[in-house]
């Protein structure tokens, strides 16, 4: 009896196997092209960074086996830099700062393909730093060269006819630098690149010099690169401001720098940066605001 039961179960198993359809793997006729997708880690970094490019997120709803090959165009020139390979990862360095267009083509086992693209942003490493002493008061300042221009890597804290310290505390001037009206920062000059209250051999940057700095660093990346801990060594602090009503505001959330470029009426051009935003805010403000000063070398 037991032997018959075993034979019966074996017959059922064999019939089940025979009845299974193993031909459901799609053929050329019902296959669809894959949908290419690229991811990159990290999405931005300096020119020493190794970027891991991946096509693993590519989908192919027409092929349950998900067998694909990948090739890469690493500089966006429409010329493929690699042959098709069956692995989805590629590691690449980008030694030149800027935005880099990367394309990937994913091809399935039937020869259908799709292409995806992604932009990667890189910036240069900057280790060209120095320091100098202001002979007027013996104060030492860090400095950094960015795209050929030497900038102070600290806010100015020099004597002036009128200098404000945030909340009227001298310790804030020591840490964040002084807050100056435009007239005092410029030492009553009104021309672009005036020396103002900068040390000899330095001047108040024109608005075009600020724009050149931000453009080089990448407008959407400049804030994070300029602040303390960023790769530019500019060491920007969010120093706050003294507003028209004499109120001190926005320390640790906003910093605003004077330029030497006069605007219409009694205003001057400034750039303002906020801790919680990547935007750069170019504005013309009343010259009586108390704002931060950075000097740039002649």
C-alpha atoms as a PDB file:
ATOM      1  CA  UNK A   1       0.000   0.000   0.000  1.00  0.00           C
ATOM      2  CA  UNK A   2       2.767   2.425   0.959  1.00  0.00           C
ATOM      3  CA  UNK A   3       4.587   1.588  -2.277  1.00  0.00           C
ATOM      4  CA  UNK A   4       1.496   2.474  -4.340  1.00  0.00           C
ATOM      5  CA  UNK A   5       1.119   5.817  -2.550  1.00  0.00           C
ATOM      6  CA  UNK A   6       4.734   6.647  -3.350  1.00  0.00           C
ATOM      7  CA  UNK A   7       4.223   5.731  -7.000  1.00  0.00           C
ATOM      8  CA  UNK A   8       1.112   7.920  -7.148  1.00  0.00           C
ATOM      9  CA  UNK A   9       2.914  10.921  -5.662  1.00  0.00           C
ATOM     10  CA  UNK A  10       5.793  10.436  -8.082  1.00  0.00           C
ATOM     11  CA  UNK A  11       3.365  10.407 -11.021  1.00  0.00           C
ATOM     12  CA  UNK A  12       1.785  13.691  -9.782  1.00  0.00           C
ATOM     13  CA  UNK A  13       5.236  15.277  -9.447  1.00  0.00           C
ATOM     14  CA  UNK A  14       6.299  14.258 -12.938  1.00  0.00           C
ATOM     15  CA  UNK A  15       3.016  15.471 -14.463  1.00  0.00           C
ATOM     16  CA  UNK A  16       3.414  18.805 -12.608  1.00  0.00           C
ATOM     17  CA  UNK A  17       6.941  19.287 -13.905  1.00  0.00           C
ATOM     18  CA  UNK A  18       5.899  18.446 -17.467  1.00  0.00           C
ATOM     19  CA  UNK A  19       2.956  20.851 -17.286  1.00  0.00           C
ATOM     20  CA  UNK A  20       5.116  23.757 -16.072  1.00  0.00           C
ATOM     21  CA  UNK A  21       5.804  26.306 -18.801  1.00  0.00           C
ATOM     22  CA  UNK A  22       9.480  27.276 -18.751  1.00  0.00           C
ATOM     23  CA  UNK A  23       9.128  29.307 -21.886  1.00  0.00           C
ATOM     24  CA  UNK A  24       7.839  32.420 -20.170  1.00  0.00           C
ATOM     25  CA  UNK A  25      11.229  34.119 -20.493  1.00  0.00           C
ATOM     26  CA  UNK A  26      10.389  36.857 -22.983  1.00  0.00           C
ATOM     27  CA  UNK A  27      11.341  36.520 -26.600  1.00  0.00           C
ATOM     28  CA  UNK A  28      12.355  39.209 -29.072  1.00  0.00           C
ATOM     29  CA  UNK A  29       8.702  39.788 -29.931  1.00  0.00           C
ATOM     30  CA  UNK A  30       7.438  40.744 -26.458  1.00  0.00           C
ATOM     31  CA  UNK A  31      10.612  42.279 -25.017  1.00  0.00           C
ATOM     32  CA  UNK A  32      10.748  45.988 -24.159  1.00  0.00           C
ATOM     33  CA  UNK A  33      13.781  48.224 -23.800  1.00  0.00           C
ATOM     34  CA  UNK A  34      15.236  48.813 -20.340  1.00  0.00           C
ATOM     35  CA  UNK A  35      14.742  52.140 -18.561  1.00  0.00           C
ATOM     36  CA  UNK A  36      18.236  53.455 -17.797  1.00  0.00           C
ATOM     37  CA  UNK A  37      18.926  55.160 -14.497  1.00  0.00           C
ATOM     38  CA  UNK A  38      22.212  56.486 -13.074  1.00  0.00           C
ATOM     39  CA  UNK A  39      23.123  57.135  -9.458  1.00  0.00           C
ATOM     40  CA  UNK A  40      26.402  58.594  -8.208  1.00  0.00           C
ATOM     41  CA  UNK A  41      28.050  58.706  -4.812  1.00  0.00           C
ATOM     42  CA  UNK A  42      28.953  61.325  -3.782  1.00  0.00           C
ATOM     43  CA  UNK A  43      27.046  63.721  -6.037  1.00  0.00           C
ATOM     44  CA  UNK A  44      29.703  66.434  -5.739  1.00  0.00           C
ATOM     45  CA  UNK A  45      33.194  66.811  -4.326  1.00  0.00           C
ATOM     46  CA  UNK A  46      36.719  68.006  -4.949  1.00  0.00           C
ATOM     47  CA  UNK A  47      39.008  66.939  -7.762  1.00  0.00           C
ATOM     48  CA  UNK A  48      40.652  64.238  -5.632  1.00  0.00           C
ATOM     49  CA  UNK A  49      37.343  62.447  -5.029  1.00  0.00           C
ATOM     50  CA  UNK A  50      36.561  59.007  -6.433  1.00  0.00           C
ATOM     51  CA  UNK A  51      32.972  59.020  -7.730  1.00  0.00           C
ATOM     52  CA  UNK A  52      31.120  55.712  -7.862  1.00  0.00           C
ATOM     53  CA  UNK A  53      28.769  55.650 -10.836  1.00  0.00           C
ATOM     54  CA  UNK A  54      26.064  53.006 -10.887  1.00  0.00           C
ATOM     55  CA  UNK A  55      23.480  51.773 -13.358  1.00  0.00           C
ATOM     56  CA  UNK A  56      22.080  49.231 -10.920  1.00  0.00           C
ATOM     57  CA  UNK A  57      18.803  51.148 -10.604  1.00  0.00           C
ATOM     58  CA  UNK A  58      18.047  50.515 -14.291  1.00  0.00           C
ATOM     59  CA  UNK A  59      14.734  48.676 -14.743  1.00  0.00           C
ATOM     60  CA  UNK A  60      13.694  46.221 -17.435  1.00  0.00           C
ATOM     61  CA  UNK A  61      10.074  45.190 -17.106  1.00  0.00           C
ATOM     62  CA  UNK A  62      10.283  43.022 -20.227  1.00  0.00           C
ATOM     63  CA  UNK A  63      12.962  40.667 -18.953  1.00  0.00           C
ATOM     64  CA  UNK A  64      12.538  38.719 -15.740  1.00  0.00           C
ATOM     65  CA  UNK A  65      16.186  37.663 -15.910  1.00  0.00           C
ATOM     66  CA  UNK A  66      17.302  41.307 -15.777  1.00  0.00           C
ATOM     67  CA  UNK A  67      20.471  40.613 -17.761  1.00  0.00           C
ATOM     68  CA  UNK A  68      22.083  43.853 -18.937  1.00  0.00           C
ATOM     69  CA  UNK A  69      25.324  45.404 -20.107  1.00  0.00           C
ATOM     70  CA  UNK A  70      26.516  48.970 -19.534  1.00  0.00           C
ATOM     71  CA  UNK A  71      28.847  51.439 -21.191  1.00  0.00           C
ATOM     72  CA  UNK A  72      29.859  54.967 -20.199  1.00  0.00           C
ATOM     73  CA  UNK A  73      30.560  58.342 -21.772  1.00  0.00           C
ATOM     74  CA  UNK A  74      32.457  60.134 -19.022  1.00  0.00           C
ATOM     75  CA  UNK A  75      32.778  63.624 -20.495  1.00  0.00           C
ATOM     76  CA  UNK A  76      29.510  64.179 -22.348  1.00  0.00           C
ATOM     77  CA  UNK A  77      31.093  64.299 -25.805  1.00  0.00           C
ATOM     78  CA  UNK A  78      28.837  61.562 -27.260  1.00  0.00           C
ATOM     79  CA  UNK A  79      31.826  59.243 -27.647  1.00  0.00           C
ATOM     80  CA  UNK A  80      31.658  56.104 -25.522  1.00  0.00           C
ATOM     81  CA  UNK A  81      34.710  55.813 -23.258  1.00  0.00           C
ATOM     82  CA  UNK A  82      34.092  52.182 -22.313  1.00  0.00           C
ATOM     83  CA  UNK A  83      32.856  49.068 -24.073  1.00  0.00           C
ATOM     84  CA  UNK A  84      29.727  47.276 -22.912  1.00  0.00           C
ATOM     85  CA  UNK A  85      30.392  45.345 -19.700  1.00  0.00           C
ATOM     86  CA  UNK A  86      28.061  43.205 -17.639  1.00  0.00           C
ATOM     87  CA  UNK A  87      28.723  45.036 -14.375  1.00  0.00           C
ATOM     88  CA  UNK A  88      26.883  48.208 -13.453  1.00  0.00           C
ATOM     89  CA  UNK A  89      29.513  50.082 -11.413  1.00  0.00           C
ATOM     90  CA  UNK A  90      32.210  52.410 -12.653  1.00  0.00           C
ATOM     91  CA  UNK A  91      34.636  54.509 -10.561  1.00  0.00           C
ATOM     92  CA  UNK A  92      35.865  57.784 -12.018  1.00  0.00           C
ATOM     93  CA  UNK A  93      37.973  60.809 -11.008  1.00  0.00           C
ATOM     94  CA  UNK A  94      37.359  64.253 -12.513  1.00  0.00           C
ATOM     95  CA  UNK A  95      40.640  66.185 -12.168  1.00  0.00           C
ATOM     96  CA  UNK A  96      39.310  69.455 -13.622  1.00  0.00           C
ATOM     97  CA  UNK A  97      36.916  71.574 -11.504  1.00  0.00           C
ATOM     98  CA  UNK A  98      33.471  72.233 -12.931  1.00  0.00           C
ATOM     99  CA  UNK A  99      30.326  70.403 -13.995  1.00  0.00           C
ATOM    100  CA  UNK A 100      30.754  67.089 -15.779  1.00  0.00           C
ATOM    101  CA  UNK A 101      28.085  65.425 -17.918  1.00  0.00           C
ATOM    102  CA  UNK A 102      28.129  61.621 -17.698  1.00  0.00           C
ATOM    103  CA  UNK A 103      26.038  59.354 -19.928  1.00  0.00           C
ATOM    104  CA  UNK A 104      25.351  55.643 -19.515  1.00  0.00           C
ATOM    105  CA  UNK A 105      23.782  53.239 -21.998  1.00  0.00           C
ATOM    106  CA  UNK A 106      22.112  50.124 -20.610  1.00  0.00           C
ATOM    107  CA  UNK A 107      21.508  47.263 -23.099  1.00  0.00           C
ATOM    108  CA  UNK A 108      19.485  44.126 -22.495  1.00  0.00           C
ATOM    109  CA  UNK A 109      20.298  40.637 -23.820  1.00  0.00           C
ATOM    110  CA  UNK A 110      18.092  41.189 -26.859  1.00  0.00           C
ATOM    111  CA  UNK A 111      20.018  44.309 -27.930  1.00  0.00           C
ATOM    112  CA  UNK A 112      17.459  46.925 -26.883  1.00  0.00           C
ATOM    113  CA  UNK A 113      18.941  49.851 -24.971  1.00  0.00           C
ATOM    114  CA  UNK A 114      18.252  53.137 -23.219  1.00  0.00           C
ATOM    115  CA  UNK A 115      20.496  56.040 -22.192  1.00  0.00           C
ATOM    116  CA  UNK A 116      20.529  58.166 -19.034  1.00  0.00           C
ATOM    117  CA  UNK A 117      22.647  61.140 -18.002  1.00  0.00           C
ATOM    118  CA  UNK A 118      23.723  62.905 -14.829  1.00  0.00           C
ATOM    119  CA  UNK A 119      25.761  66.003 -13.900  1.00  0.00           C
ATOM    120  CA  UNK A 120      28.597  65.772 -11.369  1.00  0.00           C
ATOM    121  CA  UNK A 121      30.135  68.901  -9.823  1.00  0.00           C
ATOM    122  CA  UNK A 122      33.767  69.093  -8.743  1.00  0.00           C
ATOM    123  CA  UNK A 123      35.910  71.829  -7.288  1.00  0.00           C
ATOM    124  CA  UNK A 124      39.636  72.206  -6.828  1.00  0.00           C
ATOM    125  CA  UNK A 125      41.486  71.691  -3.615  1.00  0.00           C
ATOM    126  CA  UNK A 126      42.956  74.915  -2.261  1.00  0.00           C
ATOM    127  CA  UNK A 127      45.860  74.726   0.162  1.00  0.00           C
ATOM    128  CA  UNK A 128      47.471  78.059  -0.765  1.00  0.00           C
ATOM    129  CA  UNK A 129      47.140  79.880   2.541  1.00  0.00           C
ATOM    130  CA  UNK A 130      49.195  82.403   4.428  1.00  0.00           C
ATOM    131  CA  UNK A 131      48.907  85.073   7.103  1.00  0.00           C
ATOM    132  CA  UNK A 132      49.992  88.657   7.634  1.00  0.00           C
ATOM    133  CA  UNK A 133      50.129  91.252  10.402  1.00  0.00           C
ATOM    134  CA  UNK A 134      48.324  94.548  10.120  1.00  0.00           C
ATOM    135  CA  UNK A 135      50.991  97.050  11.224  1.00  0.00           C
ATOM    136  CA  UNK A 136      48.371  99.530  12.410  1.00  0.00           C
ATOM    137  CA  UNK A 137      47.380  97.469  15.434  1.00  0.00           C
ATOM    138  CA  UNK A 138      49.526  94.316  15.278  1.00  0.00           C
ATOM    139  CA  UNK A 139      46.552  92.084  14.528  1.00  0.00           C
ATOM    140  CA  UNK A 140      47.277  88.927  12.549  1.00  0.00           C
ATOM    141  CA  UNK A 141      44.958  87.775   9.762  1.00  0.00           C
ATOM    142  CA  UNK A 142      44.787  84.535   7.823  1.00  0.00           C
ATOM    143  CA  UNK A 143      44.676  84.804   4.046  1.00  0.00           C
ATOM    144  CA  UNK A 144      43.903  82.423   1.205  1.00  0.00           C
ATOM    145  CA  UNK A 145      44.473  82.504  -2.541  1.00  0.00           C
ATOM    146  CA  UNK A 146      41.436  81.519  -4.600  1.00  0.00           C
ATOM    147  CA  UNK A 147      41.704  81.554  -8.383  1.00  0.00           C
ATOM    148  CA  UNK A 148      44.795  83.750  -8.239  1.00  0.00           C
ATOM    149  CA  UNK A 149      43.359  86.362  -5.849  1.00  0.00           C
ATOM    150  CA  UNK A 150      44.421  86.676  -2.228  1.00  0.00           C
ATOM    151  CA  UNK A 151      41.496  87.161   0.168  1.00  0.00           C
ATOM    152  CA  UNK A 152      41.489  87.717   3.887  1.00  0.00           C
ATOM    153  CA  UNK A 153      40.366  84.473   5.502  1.00  0.00           C
ATOM    154  CA  UNK A 154      38.878  86.354   8.458  1.00  0.00           C
ATOM    155  CA  UNK A 155      36.585  89.339   8.787  1.00  0.00           C
ATOM    156  CA  UNK A 156      38.323  92.659   9.261  1.00  0.00           C
ATOM    157  CA  UNK A 157      38.533  93.917  12.831  1.00  0.00           C
ATOM    158  CA  UNK A 158      40.368  97.177  12.323  1.00  0.00           C
ATOM    159  CA  UNK A 159      39.984 100.531  14.066  1.00  0.00           C
ATOM    160  CA  UNK A 160      37.626 102.970  12.347  1.00  0.00           C
ATOM    161  CA  UNK A 161      35.781 106.179  13.048  1.00  0.00           C
ATOM    162  CA  UNK A 162      32.793 103.964  13.855  1.00  0.00           C
ATOM    163  CA  UNK A 163      33.039 100.219  14.405  1.00  0.00           C
ATOM    164  CA  UNK A 164      30.280  98.138  15.935  1.00  0.00           C
ATOM    165  CA  UNK A 165      30.643  94.877  17.817  1.00  0.00           C
ATOM    166  CA  UNK A 166      27.582  92.620  17.775  1.00  0.00           C
ATOM    167  CA  UNK A 167      25.460  93.251  20.885  1.00  0.00           C
ATOM    168  CA  UNK A 168      28.127  95.798  21.910  1.00  0.00           C
ATOM    169  CA  UNK A 169      30.406  93.003  23.102  1.00  0.00           C
ATOM    170  CA  UNK A 170      34.088  93.236  22.178  1.00  0.00           C
ATOM    171  CA  UNK A 171      34.367  89.437  22.196  1.00  0.00           C
ATOM    172  CA  UNK A 172      32.106  89.380  19.148  1.00  0.00           C
ATOM    173  CA  UNK A 173      34.498  91.663  17.285  1.00  0.00           C
ATOM    174  CA  UNK A 174      37.331  89.323  18.215  1.00  0.00           C
ATOM    175  CA  UNK A 175      35.507  86.291  16.836  1.00  0.00           C
ATOM    176  CA  UNK A 176      33.366  87.702  14.002  1.00  0.00           C
ATOM    177  CA  UNK A 177      35.170  90.922  13.111  1.00  0.00           C
ATOM    178  CA  UNK A 178      33.739  94.413  13.273  1.00  0.00           C
ATOM    179  CA  UNK A 179      30.506  95.621  11.725  1.00  0.00           C
ATOM    180  CA  UNK A 180      30.985  98.802   9.683  1.00  0.00           C
ATOM    181  CA  UNK A 181      28.844 101.277   7.830  1.00  0.00           C
ATOM    182  CA  UNK A 182      29.770 101.552   4.162  1.00  0.00           C
ATOM    183  CA  UNK A 183      31.118 105.081   4.662  1.00  0.00           C
ATOM    184  CA  UNK A 184      33.455 103.932   7.411  1.00  0.00           C
ATOM    185  CA  UNK A 185      34.458 100.738   5.615  1.00  0.00           C
ATOM    186  CA  UNK A 186      35.371 102.840   2.584  1.00  0.00           C
ATOM    187  CA  UNK A 187      37.044 105.500   4.734  1.00  0.00           C
ATOM    188  CA  UNK A 188      34.855 108.045   2.935  1.00  0.00           C
ATOM    189  CA  UNK A 189      35.978 107.002  -0.582  1.00  0.00           C
ATOM    190  CA  UNK A 190      33.320 106.246  -3.208  1.00  0.00           C
ATOM    191  CA  UNK A 191      35.260 104.449  -5.954  1.00  0.00           C
ATOM    192  CA  UNK A 192      35.481 100.741  -6.801  1.00  0.00           C
ATOM    193  CA  UNK A 193      38.393  98.896  -5.179  1.00  0.00           C
ATOM    194  CA  UNK A 194      39.074 101.693  -2.724  1.00  0.00           C
ATOM    195  CA  UNK A 195      41.550 100.868   0.033  1.00  0.00           C
ATOM    196  CA  UNK A 196      39.043 101.950   2.661  1.00  0.00           C
ATOM    197  CA  UNK A 197      40.033 100.706   6.101  1.00  0.00           C
ATOM    198  CA  UNK A 198      41.908  97.690   4.718  1.00  0.00           C
ATOM    199  CA  UNK A 199      45.610  97.311   5.490  1.00  0.00           C
ATOM    200  CA  UNK A 200      48.081  98.803   3.035  1.00  0.00           C
ATOM    201  CA  UNK A 201      48.224  96.724  -0.144  1.00  0.00           C
ATOM    202  CA  UNK A 202      44.620  95.530   0.258  1.00  0.00           C
ATOM    203  CA  UNK A 203      41.263  96.987  -0.750  1.00  0.00           C
ATOM    204  CA  UNK A 204      37.502  96.609  -0.334  1.00  0.00           C
ATOM    205  CA  UNK A 205      36.428  94.178  -3.108  1.00  0.00           C
ATOM    206  CA  UNK A 206      34.287  95.505  -5.928  1.00  0.00           C
ATOM    207  CA  UNK A 207      31.028  93.675  -6.526  1.00  0.00           C
ATOM    208  CA  UNK A 208      32.589  92.152  -9.659  1.00  0.00           C
ATOM    209  CA  UNK A 209      35.361  90.627  -7.530  1.00  0.00           C
ATOM    210  CA  UNK A 210      32.765  88.991  -5.290  1.00  0.00           C
ATOM    211  CA  UNK A 211      30.969  87.692  -8.380  1.00  0.00           C
ATOM    212  CA  UNK A 212      34.198  86.254  -9.765  1.00  0.00           C
ATOM    213  CA  UNK A 213      34.824  84.445  -6.472  1.00  0.00           C
ATOM    214  CA  UNK A 214      31.326  82.961  -6.339  1.00  0.00           C
ATOM    215  CA  UNK A 215      31.378  81.967  -9.993  1.00  0.00           C
ATOM    216  CA  UNK A 216      34.650  80.106  -9.554  1.00  0.00           C
ATOM    217  CA  UNK A 217      33.409  78.224  -6.498  1.00  0.00           C
ATOM    218  CA  UNK A 218      30.049  77.466  -8.141  1.00  0.00           C
ATOM    219  CA  UNK A 219      27.109  79.697  -7.300  1.00  0.00           C
ATOM    220  CA  UNK A 220      25.061  76.909  -5.693  1.00  0.00           C
ATOM    221  CA  UNK A 221      28.101  75.514  -3.848  1.00  0.00           C
ATOM    222  CA  UNK A 222      29.806  78.732  -2.788  1.00  0.00           C
ATOM    223  CA  UNK A 223      28.135  79.061   0.595  1.00  0.00           C
ATOM    224  CA  UNK A 224      29.090  75.629   1.869  1.00  0.00           C
ATOM    225  CA  UNK A 225      32.587  75.946   0.430  1.00  0.00           C
ATOM    226  CA  UNK A 226      33.190  79.380   1.975  1.00  0.00           C
ATOM    227  CA  UNK A 227      31.970  78.709   5.499  1.00  0.00           C
ATOM    228  CA  UNK A 228      34.208  77.370   8.234  1.00  0.00           C
ATOM    229  CA  UNK A 229      34.923  73.718   7.450  1.00  0.00           C
ATOM    230  CA  UNK A 230      34.533  74.224   3.699  1.00  0.00           C
ATOM    231  CA  UNK A 231      37.327  73.343   1.321  1.00  0.00           C
ATOM    232  CA  UNK A 232      38.087  76.930   0.223  1.00  0.00           C
ATOM    233  CA  UNK A 233      39.741  77.956   3.537  1.00  0.00           C
ATOM    234  CA  UNK A 234      37.788  81.233   3.351  1.00  0.00           C
ATOM    235  CA  UNK A 235      36.490  80.513   6.891  1.00  0.00           C
ATOM    236  CA  UNK A 236      33.247  82.450   6.614  1.00  0.00           C
ATOM    237  CA  UNK A 237      31.298  82.981   9.830  1.00  0.00           C
ATOM    238  CA  UNK A 238      27.672  84.088  10.044  1.00  0.00           C
ATOM    239  CA  UNK A 239      28.412  87.360  11.765  1.00  0.00           C
ATOM    240  CA  UNK A 240      24.967  88.948  11.680  1.00  0.00           C
ATOM    241  CA  UNK A 241      24.430  92.669  11.143  1.00  0.00           C
ATOM    242  CA  UNK A 242      23.547  95.981  12.728  1.00  0.00           C
ATOM    243  CA  UNK A 243      20.301  97.178  11.179  1.00  0.00           C
ATOM    244  CA  UNK A 244      19.135 100.732  10.524  1.00  0.00           C
ATOM    245  CA  UNK A 245      17.321 100.952  13.840  1.00  0.00           C
ATOM    246  CA  UNK A 246      20.503 100.046  15.716  1.00  0.00           C
ATOM    247  CA  UNK A 247      19.296  96.511  16.415  1.00  0.00           C
ATOM    248  CA  UNK A 248      21.750  93.608  16.142  1.00  0.00           C
ATOM    249  CA  UNK A 249      20.293  90.716  14.181  1.00  0.00           C
ATOM    250  CA  UNK A 250      20.939  87.324  12.601  1.00  0.00           C
ATOM    251  CA  UNK A 251      24.196  86.257  14.230  1.00  0.00           C
ATOM    252  CA  UNK A 252      24.883  82.598  13.356  1.00  0.00           C
ATOM    253  CA  UNK A 253      22.214  82.681  10.647  1.00  0.00           C
ATOM    254  CA  UNK A 254      23.218  85.418   8.153  1.00  0.00           C
ATOM    255  CA  UNK A 255      26.384  87.162   7.018  1.00  0.00           C
ATOM    256  CA  UNK A 256      26.545  90.129   4.659  1.00  0.00           C
ATOM    257  CA  UNK A 257      29.660  91.624   3.072  1.00  0.00           C
ATOM    258  CA  UNK A 258      30.132  95.140   1.773  1.00  0.00           C
ATOM    259  CA  UNK A 259      31.516  95.692  -1.697  1.00  0.00           C
ATOM    260  CA  UNK A 260      33.191  98.929  -2.739  1.00  0.00           C
ATOM    261  CA  UNK A 261      30.629  99.395  -5.515  1.00  0.00           C
ATOM    262  CA  UNK A 262      28.216 102.246  -4.928  1.00  0.00           C
ATOM    263  CA  UNK A 263      24.579 101.802  -5.908  1.00  0.00           C
ATOM    264  CA  UNK A 264      21.926 104.400  -6.648  1.00  0.00           C
ATOM    265  CA  UNK A 265      21.224 107.041  -4.047  1.00  0.00           C
ATOM    266  CA  UNK A 266      22.707 106.375  -0.625  1.00  0.00           C
ATOM    267  CA  UNK A 267      23.006 102.616  -1.151  1.00  0.00           C
ATOM    268  CA  UNK A 268      25.884 100.241  -1.898  1.00  0.00           C
ATOM    269  CA  UNK A 269      26.060  96.705  -3.294  1.00  0.00           C
ATOM    270  CA  UNK A 270      26.419  93.750  -0.941  1.00  0.00           C
ATOM    271  CA  UNK A 271      26.319  89.982  -0.986  1.00  0.00           C
ATOM    272  CA  UNK A 272      24.388  88.198   1.742  1.00  0.00           C
ATOM    273  CA  UNK A 273      24.551  84.485   2.585  1.00  0.00           C
ATOM    274  CA  UNK A 274      22.252  82.513   4.871  1.00  0.00           C
ATOM    275  CA  UNK A 275      23.181  79.468   6.885  1.00  0.00           C
ATOM    276  CA  UNK A 276      20.113  77.465   5.873  1.00  0.00           C
ATOM    277  CA  UNK A 277      20.161  78.330   2.145  1.00  0.00           C
ATOM    278  CA  UNK A 278      22.607  77.772  -0.701  1.00  0.00           C
ATOM    279  CA  UNK A 279      21.471  80.898  -2.544  1.00  0.00           C
ATOM    280  CA  UNK A 280      23.634  84.002  -2.879  1.00  0.00           C
ATOM    281  CA  UNK A 281      21.716  87.238  -2.352  1.00  0.00           C
ATOM    282  CA  UNK A 282      23.041  90.269  -4.224  1.00  0.00           C
ATOM    283  CA  UNK A 283      21.376  93.418  -2.934  1.00  0.00           C
ATOM    284  CA  UNK A 284      21.890  97.133  -2.616  1.00  0.00           C
ATOM    285  CA  UNK A 285      21.427  98.316   0.946  1.00  0.00           C
ATOM    286  CA  UNK A 286      21.490 101.628   2.750  1.00  0.00           C
ATOM    287  CA  UNK A 287      25.061 102.623   3.527  1.00  0.00           C
ATOM    288  CA  UNK A 288      24.209 102.989   7.216  1.00  0.00           C
ATOM    289  CA  UNK A 289      23.854  99.244   7.847  1.00  0.00           C
ATOM    290  CA  UNK A 290      26.616  97.715   9.947  1.00  0.00           C
ATOM    291  CA  UNK A 291      28.052  94.830   7.926  1.00  0.00           C
ATOM    292  CA  UNK A 292      31.155  92.681   7.663  1.00  0.00           C
ATOM    293  CA  UNK A 293      34.246  93.514   5.613  1.00  0.00           C
ATOM    294  CA  UNK A 294      36.670  91.210   3.819  1.00  0.00           C
ATOM    295  CA  UNK A 295      39.668  92.708   2.049  1.00  0.00           C
ATOM    296  CA  UNK A 296      41.278  91.475  -1.142  1.00  0.00           C
ATOM    297  CA  UNK A 297      44.907  92.027  -2.057  1.00  0.00           C
ATOM    298  CA  UNK A 298      45.773  94.633  -4.702  1.00  0.00           C
END
